[in-house]
PDB file of all heavy atoms in Angstrom:
ATOM      1  N   PHE A   1       1.699  -1.776  -7.327  1.00  0.00           N
ATOM      2  CA  PHE A   1       1.162  -1.251  -6.072  1.00  0.00           C
ATOM      3  C   PHE A   1      -0.088  -0.375  -6.351  1.00  0.00           C
ATOM      4  O   PHE A   1      -0.110   0.261  -7.417  1.00  0.00           O
ATOM      5  CB  PHE A   1       2.196  -0.417  -5.347  1.00  0.00           C
ATOM      6  CG  PHE A   1       3.371  -1.133  -4.754  1.00  0.00           C
ATOM      7  CD1 PHE A   1       3.596  -2.471  -5.053  1.00  0.00           C
ATOM      8  CD2 PHE A   1       4.221  -0.492  -3.925  1.00  0.00           C
ATOM      9  CE1 PHE A   1       4.711  -3.128  -4.583  1.00  0.00           C
ATOM     10  CE2 PHE A   1       5.312  -1.155  -3.368  1.00  0.00           C
ATOM     11  CZ  PHE A   1       5.576  -2.461  -3.690  1.00  0.00           C
ATOM     12  N   THR A   2      -1.017  -0.428  -5.463  1.00  0.00           N
ATOM     13  CA  THR A   2      -2.208   0.436  -5.539  1.00  0.00           C
ATOM     14  C   THR A   2      -2.516   1.141  -4.244  1.00  0.00           C
ATOM     15  O   THR A   2      -2.633   0.447  -3.206  1.00  0.00           O
ATOM     16  CB  THR A   2      -3.440  -0.405  -5.972  1.00  0.00           C
ATOM     17  OG1 THR A   2      -3.183  -1.110  -7.244  1.00  0.00           O
ATOM     18  CG2 THR A   2      -4.685   0.482  -6.129  1.00  0.00           C
ATOM     19  N   ILE A   3      -2.579   2.434  -4.316  1.00  0.00           N
ATOM     20  CA  ILE A   3      -2.961   3.207  -3.119  1.00  0.00           C
ATOM     21  C   ILE A   3      -4.410   3.542  -3.123  1.00  0.00           C
ATOM     22  O   ILE A   3      -4.974   3.763  -4.220  1.00  0.00           O
ATOM     23  CB  ILE A   3      -2.084   4.546  -3.022  1.00  0.00           C
ATOM     24  CG1 ILE A   3      -2.324   5.198  -1.698  1.00  0.00           C
ATOM     25  CG2 ILE A   3      -2.372   5.429  -4.221  1.00  0.00           C
ATOM     26  CD1 ILE A   3      -1.404   6.383  -1.471  1.00  0.00           C
ATOM     27  N   SER A   4      -5.020   3.510  -1.975  1.00  0.00           N
ATOM     28  CA  SER A   4      -6.459   3.894  -1.881  1.00  0.00           C
ATOM     29  C   SER A   4      -6.671   4.475  -0.474  1.00  0.00           C
ATOM     30  O   SER A   4      -5.845   4.344   0.394  1.00  0.00           O
ATOM     31  CB  SER A   4      -7.374   2.658  -2.077  1.00  0.00           C
ATOM     32  OG  SER A   4      -7.110   1.638  -1.090  1.00  0.00           O
ATOM     33  N   ARG A   5      -7.819   5.125  -0.309  1.00  0.00           N
ATOM     34  CA  ARG A   5      -8.086   5.772   0.933  1.00  0.00           C
ATOM     35  C   ARG A   5      -9.591   5.697   1.209  1.00  0.00           C
ATOM     36  O   ARG A   5     -10.405   5.688   0.303  1.00  0.00           O
ATOM     37  CB  ARG A   5      -7.564   7.211   0.966  1.00  0.00           C
ATOM     38  CG  ARG A   5      -8.143   8.136  -0.114  1.00  0.00           C
ATOM     39  CD  ARG A   5      -7.384   9.415  -0.108  1.00  0.00           C
ATOM     40  NE  ARG A   5      -7.796  10.319   0.919  1.00  0.00           N
ATOM     41  CZ  ARG A   5      -7.253  11.546   1.120  1.00  0.00           C
ATOM     42  NH1 ARG A   5      -6.250  11.949   0.355  1.00  0.00           N
ATOM     43  NH2 ARG A   5      -7.712  12.333   2.104  1.00  0.00           N
ATOM     44  N   ASP A   6      -9.940   5.614   2.506  1.00  0.00           N
ATOM     45  CA  ASP A   6     -11.282   5.655   2.978  1.00  0.00           C
ATOM     46  C   ASP A   6     -11.356   6.915   3.875  1.00  0.00           C
ATOM     47  O   ASP A   6     -10.941   6.899   5.041  1.00  0.00           O
ATOM     48  CB  ASP A   6     -11.652   4.410   3.742  1.00  0.00           C
ATOM     49  CG  ASP A   6     -13.090   4.357   4.154  1.00  0.00           C
ATOM     50  OD1 ASP A   6     -13.724   5.447   4.306  1.00  0.00           O
ATOM     51  OD2 ASP A   6     -13.612   3.256   4.350  1.00  0.00           O
ATOM     52  N   ASN A   7     -11.920   7.975   3.353  1.00  0.00           N
ATOM     53  CA  ASN A   7     -11.992   9.238   4.096  1.00  0.00           C
ATOM     54  C   ASN A   7     -12.826   9.159   5.335  1.00  0.00           C
ATOM     55  O   ASN A   7     -12.533   9.855   6.321  1.00  0.00           O
ATOM     56  CB  ASN A   7     -12.419  10.396   3.206  1.00  0.00           C
ATOM     57  CG  ASN A   7     -11.377  10.682   2.098  1.00  0.00           C
ATOM     58  OD1 ASN A   7     -10.183  10.569   2.281  1.00  0.00           O
ATOM     59  ND2 ASN A   7     -11.891  11.093   0.977  1.00  0.00           N
ATOM     60  N   SER A   8     -13.848   8.376   5.269  1.00  0.00           N
ATOM     61  CA  SER A   8     -14.760   8.213   6.448  1.00  0.00           C
ATOM     62  C   SER A   8     -14.017   7.547   7.628  1.00  0.00           C
ATOM     63  O   SER A   8     -14.332   7.793   8.768  1.00  0.00           O
ATOM     64  CB  SER A   8     -16.012   7.393   6.057  1.00  0.00           C
ATOM     65  OG  SER A   8     -15.636   6.075   5.775  1.00  0.00           O
ATOM     66  N   LYS A   9     -13.000   6.712   7.298  1.00  0.00           N
ATOM     67  CA  LYS A   9     -12.258   6.072   8.331  1.00  0.00           C
ATOM     68  C   LYS A   9     -10.900   6.758   8.549  1.00  0.00           C
ATOM     69  O   LYS A   9     -10.091   6.296   9.400  1.00  0.00           O
ATOM     70  CB  LYS A   9     -12.043   4.632   7.944  1.00  0.00           C
ATOM     71  CG  LYS A   9     -13.308   3.822   7.929  1.00  0.00           C
ATOM     72  CD  LYS A   9     -12.936   2.321   7.594  1.00  0.00           C
ATOM     73  CE  LYS A   9     -14.240   1.512   7.523  1.00  0.00           C
ATOM     74  NZ  LYS A   9     -13.984   0.099   7.166  1.00  0.00           N
ATOM     75  N   ARG A  10     -10.584   7.759   7.737  1.00  0.00           N
ATOM     76  CA  ARG A  10      -9.351   8.430   7.819  1.00  0.00           C
ATOM     77  C   ARG A  10      -8.142   7.446   7.699  1.00  0.00           C
ATOM     78  O   ARG A  10      -7.230   7.408   8.500  1.00  0.00           O
ATOM     79  CB  ARG A  10      -9.197   9.308   9.048  1.00  0.00           C
ATOM     80  CG  ARG A  10     -10.200  10.462   9.120  1.00  0.00           C
ATOM     81  CD  ARG A  10      -9.852  11.483  10.132  1.00  0.00           C
ATOM     82  NE  ARG A  10      -9.865  10.980  11.451  1.00  0.00           N
ATOM     83  CZ  ARG A  10      -9.455  11.614  12.572  1.00  0.00           C
ATOM     84  NH1 ARG A  10      -8.929  12.858  12.390  1.00  0.00           N
ATOM     85  NH2 ARG A  10      -9.500  11.072  13.763  1.00  0.00           N
ATOM     86  N   THR A  11      -8.302   6.577   6.718  1.00  0.00           N
ATOM     87  CA  THR A  11      -7.357   5.432   6.579  1.00  0.00           C
ATOM     88  C   THR A  11      -6.895   5.418   5.111  1.00  0.00           C
ATOM     89  O   THR A  11      -7.638   5.612   4.181  1.00  0.00           O
ATOM     90  CB  THR A  11      -7.995   4.114   6.935  1.00  0.00           C
ATOM     91  OG1 THR A  11      -8.417   4.159   8.323  1.00  0.00           O
ATOM     92  CG2 THR A  11      -7.048   2.969   6.715  1.00  0.00           C
ATOM     93  N   VAL A  12      -5.597   5.140   4.954  1.00  0.00           N
ATOM     94  CA  VAL A  12      -4.970   4.998   3.648  1.00  0.00           C
ATOM     95  C   VAL A  12      -4.420   3.592   3.598  1.00  0.00           C
ATOM     96  O   VAL A  12      -3.891   3.050   4.611  1.00  0.00           O
ATOM     97  CB  VAL A  12      -3.916   6.041   3.394  1.00  0.00           C
ATOM     98  CG1 VAL A  12      -2.784   5.993   4.357  1.00  0.00           C
ATOM     99  CG2 VAL A  12      -3.457   5.964   1.955  1.00  0.00           C
ATOM    100  N   TYR A  13      -4.504   2.968   2.394  1.00  0.00           N
ATOM    101  CA  TYR A  13      -4.035   1.592   2.181  1.00  0.00           C
ATOM    102  C   TYR A  13      -3.037   1.580   1.073  1.00  0.00           C
ATOM    103  O   TYR A  13      -2.964   2.447   0.196  1.00  0.00           O
ATOM    104  CB  TYR A  13      -5.208   0.718   1.819  1.00  0.00           C
ATOM    105  CG  TYR A  13      -6.382   0.748   2.743  1.00  0.00           C
ATOM    106  CD1 TYR A  13      -7.466   1.621   2.493  1.00  0.00           C
ATOM    107  CD2 TYR A  13      -6.436  -0.050   3.890  1.00  0.00           C
ATOM    108  CE1 TYR A  13      -8.538   1.676   3.391  1.00  0.00           C
ATOM    109  CE2 TYR A  13      -7.462   0.016   4.783  1.00  0.00           C
ATOM    110  CZ  TYR A  13      -8.549   0.823   4.480  1.00  0.00           C
ATOM    111  OH  TYR A  13      -9.602   0.890   5.380  1.00  0.00           O
ATOM    112  N   LEU A  14      -2.201   0.540   1.107  1.00  0.00           N
ATOM    113  CA  LEU A  14      -1.282   0.263   0.011  1.00  0.00           C
ATOM    114  C   LEU A  14      -1.306  -1.234  -0.260  1.00  0.00           C
ATOM    115  O   LEU A  14      -0.794  -2.050   0.540  1.00  0.00           O
ATOM    116  CB  LEU A  14       0.137   0.737   0.343  1.00  0.00           C
ATOM    117  CG  LEU A  14       1.152   0.614  -0.808  1.00  0.00           C
ATOM    118  CD1 LEU A  14       0.826   1.626  -1.893  1.00  0.00           C
ATOM    119  CD2 LEU A  14       2.587   0.834  -0.296  1.00  0.00           C
ATOM    120  N   GLN A  15      -1.897  -1.590  -1.405  1.00  0.00           N
ATOM    121  CA  GLN A  15      -1.890  -2.950  -1.829  1.00  0.00           C
ATOM    122  C   GLN A  15      -0.642  -3.198  -2.667  1.00  0.00           C
ATOM    123  O   GLN A  15      -0.431  -2.548  -3.692  1.00  0.00           O
ATOM    124  CB  GLN A  15      -3.163  -3.232  -2.663  1.00  0.00           C
ATOM    125  CG  GLN A  15      -3.227  -4.667  -3.263  1.00  0.00           C
ATOM    126  CD  GLN A  15      -3.336  -5.718  -2.122  1.00  0.00           C
ATOM    127  OE1 GLN A  15      -4.111  -5.548  -1.212  1.00  0.00           O
ATOM    128  NE2 GLN A  15      -2.592  -6.737  -2.247  1.00  0.00           N
ATOM    129  N   MET A  16       0.165  -4.107  -2.235  1.00  0.00           N
ATOM    130  CA  MET A  16       1.431  -4.421  -2.926  1.00  0.00           C
ATOM    131  C   MET A  16       1.417  -5.793  -3.491  1.00  0.00           C
ATOM    132  O   MET A  16       1.286  -6.805  -2.754  1.00  0.00           O
ATOM    133  CB  MET A  16       2.594  -4.256  -1.916  1.00  0.00           C
ATOM    134  CG  MET A  16       2.671  -2.903  -1.199  1.00  0.00           C
ATOM    135  SD  MET A  16       4.093  -2.700  -0.173  1.00  0.00           S
ATOM    136  CE  MET A  16       3.744  -3.874   1.091  1.00  0.00           C
ATOM    137  N   ASN A  17       1.478  -5.939  -4.808  1.00  0.00           N
ATOM    138  CA  ASN A  17       1.475  -7.205  -5.522  1.00  0.00           C
ATOM    139  C   ASN A  17       2.808  -7.410  -6.185  1.00  0.00           C
ATOM    140  O   ASN A  17       3.561  -6.460  -6.413  1.00  0.00           O
ATOM    141  CB  ASN A  17       0.313  -7.231  -6.489  1.00  0.00           C
ATOM    142  CG  ASN A  17      -1.043  -7.095  -5.827  1.00  0.00           C
ATOM    143  OD1 ASN A  17      -1.249  -7.568  -4.716  1.00  0.00           O
ATOM    144  ND2 ASN A  17      -1.986  -6.534  -6.542  1.00  0.00           N
ATOM    145  N   SER A  18       3.055  -8.647  -6.557  1.00  0.00           N
ATOM    146  CA  SER A  18       4.232  -8.970  -7.341  1.00  0.00           C
ATOM    147  C   SER A  18       5.472  -8.390  -6.672  1.00  0.00           C
ATOM    148  O   SER A  18       6.343  -7.782  -7.300  1.00  0.00           O
ATOM    149  CB  SER A  18       4.180  -8.452  -8.765  1.00  0.00           C
ATOM    150  OG  SER A  18       3.055  -8.996  -9.399  1.00  0.00           O
ATOM    151  N   LEU A  19       5.607  -8.587  -5.350  1.00  0.00           N
ATOM    152  CA  LEU A  19       6.669  -8.019  -4.599  1.00  0.00           C
ATOM    153  C   LEU A  19       8.034  -8.535  -5.054  1.00  0.00           C
ATOM    154  O   LEU A  19       8.175  -9.700  -5.353  1.00  0.00           O
ATOM    155  CB  LEU A  19       6.477  -8.203  -3.115  1.00  0.00           C
ATOM    156  CG  LEU A  19       5.409  -7.277  -2.485  1.00  0.00           C
ATOM    157  CD1 LEU A  19       4.876  -7.810  -1.179  1.00  0.00           C
ATOM    158  CD2 LEU A  19       6.010  -5.908  -2.274  1.00  0.00           C
ATOM    159  N   LYS A  20       9.027  -7.671  -5.004  1.00  0.00           N
ATOM    160  CA  LYS A  20      10.390  -7.989  -5.406  1.00  0.00           C
ATOM    161  C   LYS A  20      11.294  -7.848  -4.229  1.00  0.00           C
ATOM    162  O   LYS A  20      11.008  -7.165  -3.254  1.00  0.00           O
ATOM    163  CB  LYS A  20      10.788  -7.078  -6.553  1.00  0.00           C
ATOM    164  CG  LYS A  20       9.953  -7.110  -7.811  1.00  0.00           C
ATOM    165  CD  LYS A  20      10.414  -6.105  -8.810  1.00  0.00           C
ATOM    166  CE  LYS A  20       9.503  -6.085 -10.072  1.00  0.00           C
ATOM    167  NZ  LYS A  20       9.996  -5.116 -11.083  1.00  0.00           N
ATOM    168  N   LEU A  21      12.472  -8.432  -4.353  1.00  0.00           N
ATOM    169  CA  LEU A  21      13.463  -8.283  -3.278  1.00  0.00           C
ATOM    170  C   LEU A  21      13.797  -6.849  -3.008  1.00  0.00           C
ATOM    171  O   LEU A  21      13.912  -6.467  -1.822  1.00  0.00           O
ATOM    172  CB  LEU A  21      14.780  -9.045  -3.692  1.00  0.00           C
ATOM    173  CG  LEU A  21      14.681 -10.517  -3.913  1.00  0.00           C
ATOM    174  CD1 LEU A  21      16.015 -11.120  -4.435  1.00  0.00           C
ATOM    175  CD2 LEU A  21      14.274 -11.256  -2.619  1.00  0.00           C
ATOM    176  N   GLU A  22      13.812  -5.998  -4.030  1.00  0.00           N
ATOM    177  CA  GLU A  22      14.156  -4.611  -3.846  1.00  0.00           C
ATOM    178  C   GLU A  22      13.054  -3.768  -3.206  1.00  0.00           C
ATOM    179  O   GLU A  22      13.239  -2.620  -2.923  1.00  0.00           O
ATOM    180  CB  GLU A  22      14.609  -3.988  -5.197  1.00  0.00           C
ATOM    181  CG  GLU A  22      13.631  -4.194  -6.316  1.00  0.00           C
ATOM    182  CD  GLU A  22      13.941  -5.398  -7.186  1.00  0.00           C
ATOM    183  OE1 GLU A  22      14.385  -6.462  -6.666  1.00  0.00           O
ATOM    184  OE2 GLU A  22      13.786  -5.263  -8.441  1.00  0.00           O
ATOM    185  N   ASP A  23      11.909  -4.373  -2.928  1.00  0.00           N
ATOM    186  CA  ASP A  23      10.850  -3.681  -2.256  1.00  0.00           C
ATOM    187  C   ASP A  23      11.080  -3.762  -0.714  1.00  0.00           C
ATOM    188  O   ASP A  23      10.304  -3.117   0.004  1.00  0.00           O
ATOM    189  CB  ASP A  23       9.481  -4.285  -2.596  1.00  0.00           C
ATOM    190  CG  ASP A  23       9.084  -4.080  -4.037  1.00  0.00           C
ATOM    191  OD1 ASP A  23       9.336  -2.944  -4.524  1.00  0.00           O
ATOM    192  OD2 ASP A  23       8.509  -5.017  -4.644  1.00  0.00           O
ATOM    193  N   THR A  24      12.026  -4.500  -0.271  1.00  0.00           N
ATOM    194  CA  THR A  24      12.316  -4.568   1.129  1.00  0.00           C
ATOM    195  C   THR A  24      12.718  -3.240   1.690  1.00  0.00           C
ATOM    196  O   THR A  24      13.642  -2.585   1.196  1.00  0.00           O
ATOM    197  CB  THR A  24      13.479  -5.577   1.398  1.00  0.00           C
ATOM    198  OG1 THR A  24      13.031  -6.880   0.997  1.00  0.00           O
ATOM    199  CG2 THR A  24      13.831  -5.625   2.862  1.00  0.00           C
ATOM    200  N   ALA A  25      12.004  -2.814   2.731  1.00  0.00           N
ATOM    201  CA  ALA A  25      12.193  -1.506   3.285  1.00  0.00           C
ATOM    202  C   ALA A  25      11.280  -1.319   4.485  1.00  0.00           C
ATOM    203  O   ALA A  25      10.390  -2.158   4.739  1.00  0.00           O
ATOM    204  CB  ALA A  25      11.967  -0.371   2.259  1.00  0.00           C
ATOM    205  N   VAL A  26      11.506  -0.225   5.215  1.00  0.00           N
ATOM    206  CA  VAL A  26      10.551   0.253   6.177  1.00  0.00           C
ATOM    207  C   VAL A  26       9.601   1.175   5.472  1.00  0.00           C
ATOM    208  O   VAL A  26      10.066   2.114   4.821  1.00  0.00           O
ATOM    209  CB  VAL A  26      11.222   0.925   7.390  1.00  0.00           C
ATOM    210  CG1 VAL A  26      10.114   1.417   8.375  1.00  0.00           C
ATOM    211  CG2 VAL A  26      12.157  -0.038   8.089  1.00  0.00           C
TER     212      VAL A  26
END
């Protein structure tokens, strides 16, 4: 996973790769 943010847009992102069954969640 990679977290990033764009302060000008007040937005945060989470790029999730190689997802596993145990990543299932809210």
